N, C-alpha and C. Protein backbone atom coordinates (compact mmCIF):
# COMPACT_ATOMS: atom_id res chain seq x y z
N MET A 1 -10.09 -53.00 0.75
CA MET A 1 -8.48 -52.86 0.26
C MET A 1 -8.36 -51.16 -0.22
N GLY A 2 -9.36 -50.53 0.24
CA GLY A 2 -9.54 -49.25 -0.37
C GLY A 2 -9.63 -49.09 -1.70
N LEU A 3 -10.27 -49.84 -2.42
CA LEU A 3 -10.53 -49.67 -3.68
C LEU A 3 -11.89 -48.73 -4.07
N PHE A 4 -12.82 -48.60 -3.04
CA PHE A 4 -13.96 -47.80 -3.02
C PHE A 4 -13.76 -46.55 -2.20
N LYS A 5 -12.47 -46.10 -1.65
CA LYS A 5 -12.52 -45.12 -0.94
C LYS A 5 -11.91 -43.96 -1.62
N PRO A 6 -12.79 -42.78 -1.20
CA PRO A 6 -12.62 -41.59 -2.11
C PRO A 6 -10.99 -41.10 -1.99
N ALA A 7 -10.59 -40.46 -2.89
CA ALA A 7 -9.15 -39.77 -2.76
C ALA A 7 -9.29 -38.80 -1.99
N LYS A 8 -10.11 -37.79 -2.01
CA LYS A 8 -10.21 -36.79 -1.39
C LYS A 8 -11.44 -36.50 -1.07
N VAL A 9 -12.16 -35.74 0.12
CA VAL A 9 -13.22 -35.36 0.49
C VAL A 9 -13.83 -34.08 -0.22
N ALA A 10 -14.89 -34.30 -0.67
CA ALA A 10 -15.91 -33.06 -1.58
C ALA A 10 -16.74 -32.77 -0.74
N HIS A 11 -16.93 -31.12 -0.56
CA HIS A 11 -18.17 -30.63 0.08
C HIS A 11 -18.72 -29.62 -1.02
N ALA A 12 -20.31 -29.85 -0.57
CA ALA A 12 -21.04 -29.50 -1.60
C ALA A 12 -22.86 -29.45 -1.23
N HIS A 13 -22.90 -28.33 -1.55
CA HIS A 13 -24.68 -28.22 -1.83
C HIS A 13 -25.08 -29.80 -2.33
N CYS A 14 -26.41 -30.30 -2.14
CA CYS A 14 -26.73 -31.59 -2.42
C CYS A 14 -26.74 -32.01 -3.69
N HIS A 15 -26.77 -31.22 -4.54
CA HIS A 15 -26.55 -31.18 -5.91
C HIS A 15 -27.39 -32.22 -6.53
N ILE A 16 -28.64 -32.55 -5.86
CA ILE A 16 -29.59 -33.50 -6.45
C ILE A 16 -30.54 -33.11 -7.51
N PRO A 17 -30.92 -31.70 -7.64
CA PRO A 17 -31.32 -30.70 -6.78
C PRO A 17 -32.33 -31.22 -5.40
N CYS A 18 -32.07 -30.62 -4.10
CA CYS A 18 -33.18 -30.99 -3.36
C CYS A 18 -33.86 -29.99 -3.16
N GLY A 19 -33.76 -28.86 -3.67
CA GLY A 19 -34.79 -27.78 -3.81
C GLY A 19 -34.79 -26.90 -2.38
N ILE A 20 -34.13 -27.13 -1.62
CA ILE A 20 -33.90 -26.29 -0.13
C ILE A 20 -32.63 -25.46 -0.64
N TYR A 21 -33.18 -23.83 -0.91
CA TYR A 21 -32.27 -22.91 -1.04
C TYR A 21 -32.57 -21.66 -0.12
N ASP A 22 -31.63 -21.13 0.55
CA ASP A 22 -31.67 -20.09 1.27
C ASP A 22 -30.75 -18.98 1.11
N PRO A 23 -30.75 -18.01 0.53
CA PRO A 23 -29.95 -16.90 0.53
C PRO A 23 -29.46 -16.01 1.66
N MET A 24 -30.00 -16.47 2.75
CA MET A 24 -29.67 -16.20 3.82
C MET A 24 -28.37 -16.38 4.42
N TYR A 25 -27.77 -17.43 4.06
CA TYR A 25 -26.51 -18.02 4.04
C TYR A 25 -25.41 -16.92 3.76
N ALA A 26 -25.96 -16.50 2.36
CA ALA A 26 -25.34 -15.54 1.59
C ALA A 26 -25.14 -14.25 2.54
N VAL A 27 -26.60 -13.71 2.76
CA VAL A 27 -26.52 -12.54 3.58
C VAL A 27 -25.67 -12.44 4.38
N ARG A 28 -25.72 -13.48 5.42
CA ARG A 28 -24.93 -13.38 6.84
C ARG A 28 -23.40 -13.37 6.35
N ALA A 29 -23.04 -14.09 5.48
CA ALA A 29 -21.41 -14.17 5.15
C ALA A 29 -21.23 -12.79 4.86
N ALA A 30 -22.09 -12.29 3.89
CA ALA A 30 -21.81 -10.91 3.26
C ALA A 30 -21.91 -9.63 4.60
N GLU A 31 -22.85 -9.84 5.78
CA GLU A 31 -22.85 -9.12 6.99
C GLU A 31 -21.54 -9.36 7.75
N THR A 32 -21.28 -10.47 7.79
CA THR A 32 -19.94 -10.66 8.52
C THR A 32 -18.73 -9.85 7.77
N VAL A 33 -18.41 -9.78 6.50
CA VAL A 33 -17.56 -9.32 5.72
C VAL A 33 -17.55 -7.85 6.23
N LYS A 34 -18.53 -7.48 6.08
CA LYS A 34 -18.78 -5.78 6.73
C LYS A 34 -18.78 -5.51 8.12
N LYS A 35 -18.97 -6.61 8.95
CA LYS A 35 -18.60 -6.20 10.24
C LYS A 35 -17.03 -6.34 10.65
N MET A 36 -16.44 -7.30 10.02
CA MET A 36 -14.89 -7.64 10.20
C MET A 36 -14.26 -6.28 9.62
N VAL A 37 -14.54 -5.55 8.51
CA VAL A 37 -14.13 -4.24 7.94
C VAL A 37 -14.45 -3.17 8.72
N ASP A 38 -15.72 -3.32 9.28
CA ASP A 38 -15.79 -1.98 10.39
C ASP A 38 -14.99 -2.22 11.53
N GLN A 39 -14.67 -3.31 11.95
CA GLN A 39 -14.13 -3.48 13.35
C GLN A 39 -12.48 -3.30 12.94
N LEU A 40 -11.96 -3.38 11.63
CA LEU A 40 -10.47 -3.13 11.35
C LEU A 40 -10.41 -2.07 10.82
N LEU A 41 -11.53 -1.24 10.64
CA LEU A 41 -11.06 0.25 10.40
C LEU A 41 -11.60 1.52 11.41
N ASP A 42 -12.46 0.41 12.54
CA ASP A 42 -12.68 1.37 13.52
C ASP A 42 -12.29 1.40 14.81
N GLU A 43 -12.09 -0.10 15.32
CA GLU A 43 -11.71 -0.59 16.34
C GLU A 43 -10.31 -1.20 16.53
N ALA A 44 -9.58 -1.30 15.40
CA ALA A 44 -8.18 -1.88 15.40
C ALA A 44 -7.23 -1.28 16.32
N PRO A 45 -6.75 -1.95 17.78
CA PRO A 45 -5.91 -1.33 18.49
C PRO A 45 -4.31 -0.73 17.83
N ASP A 46 -4.03 0.42 18.21
CA ASP A 46 -2.78 0.87 17.67
C ASP A 46 -1.75 0.82 19.05
N PRO A 47 -0.65 -0.04 18.72
CA PRO A 47 -0.03 -0.36 20.34
C PRO A 47 0.95 0.46 20.36
N GLY A 48 1.22 1.29 19.47
CA GLY A 48 2.31 2.66 19.64
C GLY A 48 3.61 2.13 19.41
N ASP A 49 4.57 2.80 19.08
CA ASP A 49 6.06 2.45 18.67
C ASP A 49 6.78 1.86 20.22
N ASP A 50 6.09 2.09 21.26
CA ASP A 50 6.74 1.94 22.69
C ASP A 50 6.21 0.83 23.28
N ALA A 51 5.20 0.37 22.48
CA ALA A 51 4.25 -1.01 23.12
C ALA A 51 5.07 -2.12 23.78
N SER A 52 5.07 -2.87 24.43
CA SER A 52 5.41 -4.19 24.71
C SER A 52 5.23 -5.09 23.67
N ASP A 53 6.18 -6.07 23.37
CA ASP A 53 5.93 -7.09 22.65
C ASP A 53 4.86 -7.49 22.82
N ALA A 54 4.05 -7.79 23.97
CA ALA A 54 2.93 -8.78 24.33
C ALA A 54 1.55 -7.70 23.49
N ASP A 55 1.69 -6.59 23.85
CA ASP A 55 0.71 -5.64 23.16
C ASP A 55 0.67 -5.45 21.65
N LYS A 56 2.22 -5.42 21.08
CA LYS A 56 2.05 -5.59 19.71
C LYS A 56 1.59 -7.09 19.25
N LEU A 57 1.90 -7.86 19.82
CA LEU A 57 1.67 -9.15 19.21
C LEU A 57 0.05 -9.50 19.12
N ALA A 58 -0.63 -8.83 20.42
CA ALA A 58 -1.70 -8.78 20.78
C ALA A 58 -2.71 -7.99 19.56
N ALA A 59 -2.26 -6.95 19.15
CA ALA A 59 -2.57 -5.93 18.22
C ALA A 59 -2.57 -6.85 16.82
N ALA A 60 -1.53 -7.43 16.64
CA ALA A 60 -1.30 -7.99 15.49
C ALA A 60 -2.78 -9.25 15.21
N GLN A 61 -2.51 -10.13 16.59
CA GLN A 61 -3.85 -11.17 16.43
C GLN A 61 -5.37 -10.42 16.32
N TYR A 62 -5.55 -9.44 16.94
CA TYR A 62 -6.53 -8.85 16.47
C TYR A 62 -6.93 -8.53 15.24
N VAL A 63 -5.99 -7.93 14.47
CA VAL A 63 -6.16 -7.48 13.08
C VAL A 63 -6.07 -8.86 12.18
N SER A 64 -5.22 -9.71 12.49
CA SER A 64 -5.08 -10.95 11.65
C SER A 64 -6.28 -11.76 11.70
N ARG A 65 -6.91 -12.23 12.76
CA ARG A 65 -8.18 -12.98 12.93
C ARG A 65 -8.95 -12.30 12.29
N ARG A 66 -9.29 -11.01 12.53
CA ARG A 66 -10.54 -10.46 11.55
C ARG A 66 -9.93 -10.72 10.23
N ILE A 67 -9.06 -10.29 9.58
CA ILE A 67 -8.80 -10.43 8.13
C ILE A 67 -9.22 -11.88 7.79
N ALA A 68 -8.47 -12.79 8.33
CA ALA A 68 -9.08 -14.17 8.19
C ALA A 68 -10.36 -14.51 8.17
N ASN A 69 -11.21 -14.16 9.06
CA ASN A 69 -12.56 -14.02 9.20
C ASN A 69 -13.23 -13.42 8.05
N LYS A 70 -12.82 -12.33 7.28
CA LYS A 70 -13.52 -11.53 6.26
C LYS A 70 -13.14 -12.45 5.01
N GLU A 71 -12.01 -12.56 5.16
CA GLU A 71 -11.89 -13.60 3.71
C GLU A 71 -12.46 -14.84 3.82
N GLU A 72 -12.70 -15.48 5.09
CA GLU A 72 -13.26 -17.01 4.95
C GLU A 72 -14.81 -16.58 4.45
N HIS A 73 -15.37 -15.74 5.29
CA HIS A 73 -16.72 -15.22 4.84
C HIS A 73 -17.29 -14.68 3.52
N ALA A 74 -16.28 -13.77 2.98
CA ALA A 74 -16.10 -13.59 1.47
C ALA A 74 -16.31 -14.69 0.88
N LYS A 75 -15.46 -15.45 0.76
CA LYS A 75 -15.32 -17.04 -0.03
C LYS A 75 -16.68 -17.76 0.44
N GLU A 76 -17.44 -17.60 1.40
CA GLU A 76 -18.53 -18.35 1.51
C GLU A 76 -19.60 -17.62 1.03
N CYS A 77 -19.49 -16.37 0.98
CA CYS A 77 -20.63 -15.50 0.18
C CYS A 77 -20.65 -15.80 -1.34
N LYS A 78 -19.39 -15.85 -1.72
CA LYS A 78 -19.25 -16.21 -3.20
C LYS A 78 -19.81 -17.30 -3.66
N TYR A 79 -19.39 -18.48 -2.60
CA TYR A 79 -20.04 -19.77 -3.09
C TYR A 79 -21.18 -19.86 -2.91
N GLN A 80 -22.27 -19.31 -1.87
CA GLN A 80 -23.61 -19.42 -1.76
C GLN A 80 -24.06 -18.61 -2.68
N LEU A 81 -23.71 -17.38 -3.17
CA LEU A 81 -24.43 -16.82 -4.34
C LEU A 81 -23.90 -17.64 -5.52
N LEU A 82 -22.80 -17.79 -6.10
CA LEU A 82 -22.77 -18.11 -7.42
C LEU A 82 -22.78 -19.59 -7.56
N ASP A 83 -22.28 -20.53 -6.42
CA ASP A 83 -22.42 -21.94 -6.76
C ASP A 83 -23.59 -22.45 -6.36
N VAL A 84 -24.49 -21.85 -5.40
CA VAL A 84 -25.59 -22.42 -5.04
C VAL A 84 -26.55 -21.81 -5.72
N LEU A 85 -26.97 -20.47 -5.21
CA LEU A 85 -28.20 -19.74 -5.96
C LEU A 85 -28.08 -19.80 -7.26
N TRP A 86 -27.02 -19.25 -8.06
CA TRP A 86 -26.82 -18.66 -9.41
C TRP A 86 -26.84 -19.99 -10.32
N THR A 87 -26.50 -21.04 -9.77
CA THR A 87 -26.09 -21.99 -10.84
C THR A 87 -27.14 -23.19 -10.51
N GLN A 88 -27.71 -23.13 -9.45
CA GLN A 88 -28.95 -24.24 -9.04
C GLN A 88 -30.19 -23.55 -8.76
N TYR A 89 -30.40 -22.97 -8.26
CA TYR A 89 -31.66 -22.12 -8.19
C TYR A 89 -32.26 -21.48 -9.02
N PHE A 90 -31.45 -20.54 -9.82
CA PHE A 90 -32.16 -19.19 -10.70
C PHE A 90 -31.91 -19.82 -11.98
N LYS A 91 -33.30 -19.60 -12.72
CA LYS A 91 -33.60 -20.38 -14.25
C LYS A 91 -33.68 -19.26 -15.10
N PRO A 92 -33.75 -19.43 -16.33
CA PRO A 92 -34.10 -18.32 -17.30
C PRO A 92 -35.06 -17.77 -17.29
N GLU A 93 -36.06 -18.34 -16.57
CA GLU A 93 -37.42 -17.57 -16.38
C GLU A 93 -37.14 -16.39 -15.59
N HIS A 94 -36.43 -16.51 -14.41
CA HIS A 94 -35.96 -15.71 -13.47
C HIS A 94 -35.44 -14.48 -14.36
N VAL A 95 -34.60 -14.55 -15.05
CA VAL A 95 -33.62 -13.64 -15.81
C VAL A 95 -34.54 -12.87 -16.74
N GLN A 96 -35.44 -13.62 -17.26
CA GLN A 96 -36.56 -12.81 -18.16
C GLN A 96 -37.45 -11.90 -17.14
N ARG A 97 -37.75 -12.17 -15.76
CA ARG A 97 -38.59 -11.35 -15.19
C ARG A 97 -37.68 -10.33 -14.63
N TRP A 98 -36.31 -10.85 -14.24
CA TRP A 98 -35.52 -9.52 -13.65
C TRP A 98 -34.00 -9.63 -14.56
N PRO A 99 -34.28 -8.77 -15.60
CA PRO A 99 -33.31 -8.70 -16.34
C PRO A 99 -31.86 -8.48 -16.27
N ASP A 100 -31.94 -7.74 -14.83
CA ASP A 100 -30.50 -7.41 -14.35
C ASP A 100 -30.03 -8.30 -13.63
N LEU A 101 -30.47 -9.57 -13.48
CA LEU A 101 -30.08 -10.53 -12.46
C LEU A 101 -28.88 -10.95 -12.61
N HIS A 102 -28.26 -11.50 -14.05
CA HIS A 102 -27.10 -11.74 -14.42
C HIS A 102 -26.20 -10.66 -13.77
N ASP A 103 -26.14 -9.51 -14.44
CA ASP A 103 -25.16 -8.54 -13.70
C ASP A 103 -24.94 -8.32 -12.24
N LYS A 104 -26.27 -8.48 -11.41
CA LYS A 104 -26.11 -8.62 -10.06
C LYS A 104 -25.27 -9.51 -9.78
N PHE A 105 -25.46 -10.84 -10.17
CA PHE A 105 -24.56 -12.01 -9.41
C PHE A 105 -23.25 -11.73 -9.96
N PHE A 106 -22.96 -11.33 -11.19
CA PHE A 106 -21.51 -10.97 -11.79
C PHE A 106 -20.83 -10.25 -10.88
N ARG A 107 -21.28 -8.94 -10.32
CA ARG A 107 -20.88 -7.80 -9.45
C ARG A 107 -20.62 -8.42 -8.30
N ALA A 108 -21.66 -8.98 -7.68
CA ALA A 108 -21.60 -9.73 -6.37
C ALA A 108 -20.39 -10.70 -6.46
N GLY A 109 -20.09 -11.36 -7.46
CA GLY A 109 -18.84 -12.48 -7.59
C GLY A 109 -17.63 -11.57 -7.10
N HIS A 110 -17.46 -10.37 -8.01
CA HIS A 110 -16.30 -9.78 -8.08
C HIS A 110 -16.14 -9.00 -6.84
N LEU A 111 -17.31 -8.25 -6.46
CA LEU A 111 -17.19 -7.92 -4.82
C LEU A 111 -16.82 -8.80 -3.77
N CYS A 112 -17.06 -10.21 -3.89
CA CYS A 112 -16.80 -11.08 -2.90
C CYS A 112 -15.08 -11.18 -2.94
N THR A 113 -14.68 -11.21 -4.32
CA THR A 113 -13.47 -11.20 -4.47
C THR A 113 -12.55 -10.15 -4.14
N GLN A 114 -12.85 -9.10 -4.33
CA GLN A 114 -12.52 -7.77 -3.90
C GLN A 114 -12.52 -7.65 -2.34
N ASN A 115 -13.46 -7.82 -1.79
CA ASN A 115 -13.39 -8.03 -0.24
C ASN A 115 -12.65 -8.99 0.37
N MET A 116 -12.17 -10.11 -0.40
CA MET A 116 -11.04 -10.78 0.22
C MET A 116 -9.76 -10.20 -0.21
N GLN A 117 -9.59 -9.48 -0.84
CA GLN A 117 -8.03 -8.73 -1.33
C GLN A 117 -7.84 -7.56 -0.64
N ASN A 118 -8.93 -6.88 -0.02
CA ASN A 118 -9.05 -5.54 0.54
C ASN A 118 -9.72 -5.43 1.75
N VAL A 119 -9.24 -4.34 2.34
CA VAL A 119 -10.38 -3.78 3.56
C VAL A 119 -10.96 -2.63 3.21
N ASP A 120 -11.99 -2.63 2.52
CA ASP A 120 -12.32 -1.32 1.93
C ASP A 120 -13.86 -1.17 2.25
N ARG A 121 -14.44 -0.44 3.09
CA ARG A 121 -15.77 -0.22 3.81
C ARG A 121 -16.60 -0.07 2.66
N ASP A 122 -16.49 0.78 1.55
CA ASP A 122 -17.33 1.02 0.64
C ASP A 122 -17.74 -0.43 -0.19
N LYS A 123 -16.72 -1.21 -0.80
CA LYS A 123 -16.74 -2.77 -1.02
C LYS A 123 -17.72 -3.28 -0.19
N ALA A 124 -17.11 -3.67 1.12
CA ALA A 124 -18.14 -4.26 2.17
C ALA A 124 -19.46 -3.83 2.10
N ASN A 125 -19.70 -2.96 2.16
CA ASN A 125 -21.08 -2.39 2.19
C ASN A 125 -22.00 -2.63 1.12
N GLU A 126 -21.33 -2.46 -0.13
CA GLU A 126 -21.82 -2.65 -1.38
C GLU A 126 -22.03 -4.24 -1.57
N LEU A 127 -21.41 -5.01 -1.00
CA LEU A 127 -21.41 -6.47 -1.06
C LEU A 127 -22.77 -6.81 -0.21
N TYR A 128 -22.63 -6.13 0.77
CA TYR A 128 -24.02 -6.44 1.86
C TYR A 128 -25.07 -5.94 1.07
N GLU A 129 -25.34 -4.93 0.51
CA GLU A 129 -26.39 -4.64 -0.24
C GLU A 129 -26.97 -5.27 -1.32
N LEU A 130 -25.93 -5.60 -1.90
CA LEU A 130 -26.19 -6.41 -3.30
C LEU A 130 -26.68 -7.52 -3.01
N THR A 131 -26.23 -8.05 -1.79
CA THR A 131 -26.59 -9.78 -1.55
C THR A 131 -27.82 -9.56 -0.68
N GLN A 132 -28.36 -8.36 -0.30
CA GLN A 132 -29.78 -8.50 0.49
C GLN A 132 -30.74 -8.06 -0.93
N GLU A 133 -30.16 -7.67 -1.99
CA GLU A 133 -31.13 -7.32 -3.23
C GLU A 133 -31.39 -8.65 -3.55
N ILE A 134 -30.23 -9.33 -3.77
CA ILE A 134 -30.42 -10.74 -4.40
C ILE A 134 -31.60 -11.97 -3.44
N ALA A 135 -31.28 -11.47 -2.42
CA ALA A 135 -32.22 -12.32 -1.55
C ALA A 135 -33.76 -11.60 -1.79
N ASP A 136 -33.99 -10.39 -1.58
CA ASP A 136 -35.00 -10.08 -1.83
C ASP A 136 -35.86 -10.48 -3.04
N ILE A 137 -35.12 -10.76 -4.10
CA ILE A 137 -35.39 -11.43 -5.34
C ILE A 137 -35.66 -12.64 -5.49
N PHE A 138 -34.98 -13.39 -4.58
CA PHE A 138 -35.12 -14.53 -4.30
C PHE A 138 -36.55 -14.73 -3.67
N LYS A 139 -36.90 -14.09 -2.70
CA LYS A 139 -37.81 -14.06 -2.14
C LYS A 139 -39.15 -13.97 -2.70
N GLN A 140 -38.94 -12.84 -3.78
CA GLN A 140 -40.13 -12.40 -4.95
C GLN A 140 -40.15 -13.89 -5.81
N SER A 141 -39.05 -14.20 -6.32
CA SER A 141 -39.38 -15.53 -6.92
C SER A 141 -40.27 -16.71 -6.49
N LYS A 142 -40.05 -16.64 -4.98
CA LYS A 142 -41.00 -17.63 -4.33
C LYS A 142 -42.51 -17.52 -4.44
N SER A 143 -42.68 -16.35 -4.78
CA SER A 143 -44.31 -16.12 -4.82
C SER A 143 -45.06 -16.17 -6.32
């Protein structure tokens, strides 16, 4: 009679913890943010004032699809970095080995938010580079 039926669906990493972590999800999401910003700034069509309605709509669609994709991937990057890697994988011993690790995650989380809010090449590049740095630390922590 629906007594044990969940009220809403929850999406999460396994939270067991399973021990399966990979920063490449965050890196690929940050790379997508960077690519979408590059396309918006370098390749977005300008239909001009005298363009047809169809051309104006096509230009608007080009922009809106890339903005939505950028925001979706910035959110995914934030989830992978903060909810998965920071809260589940990295431990106090990692912070002892890399004293600036907390600051890197703090900055990366804010960069994800800034990339959701803006189309800024510098912020997109900074997010990608910082996510790569975190991935490199992850790799070093495994050895």
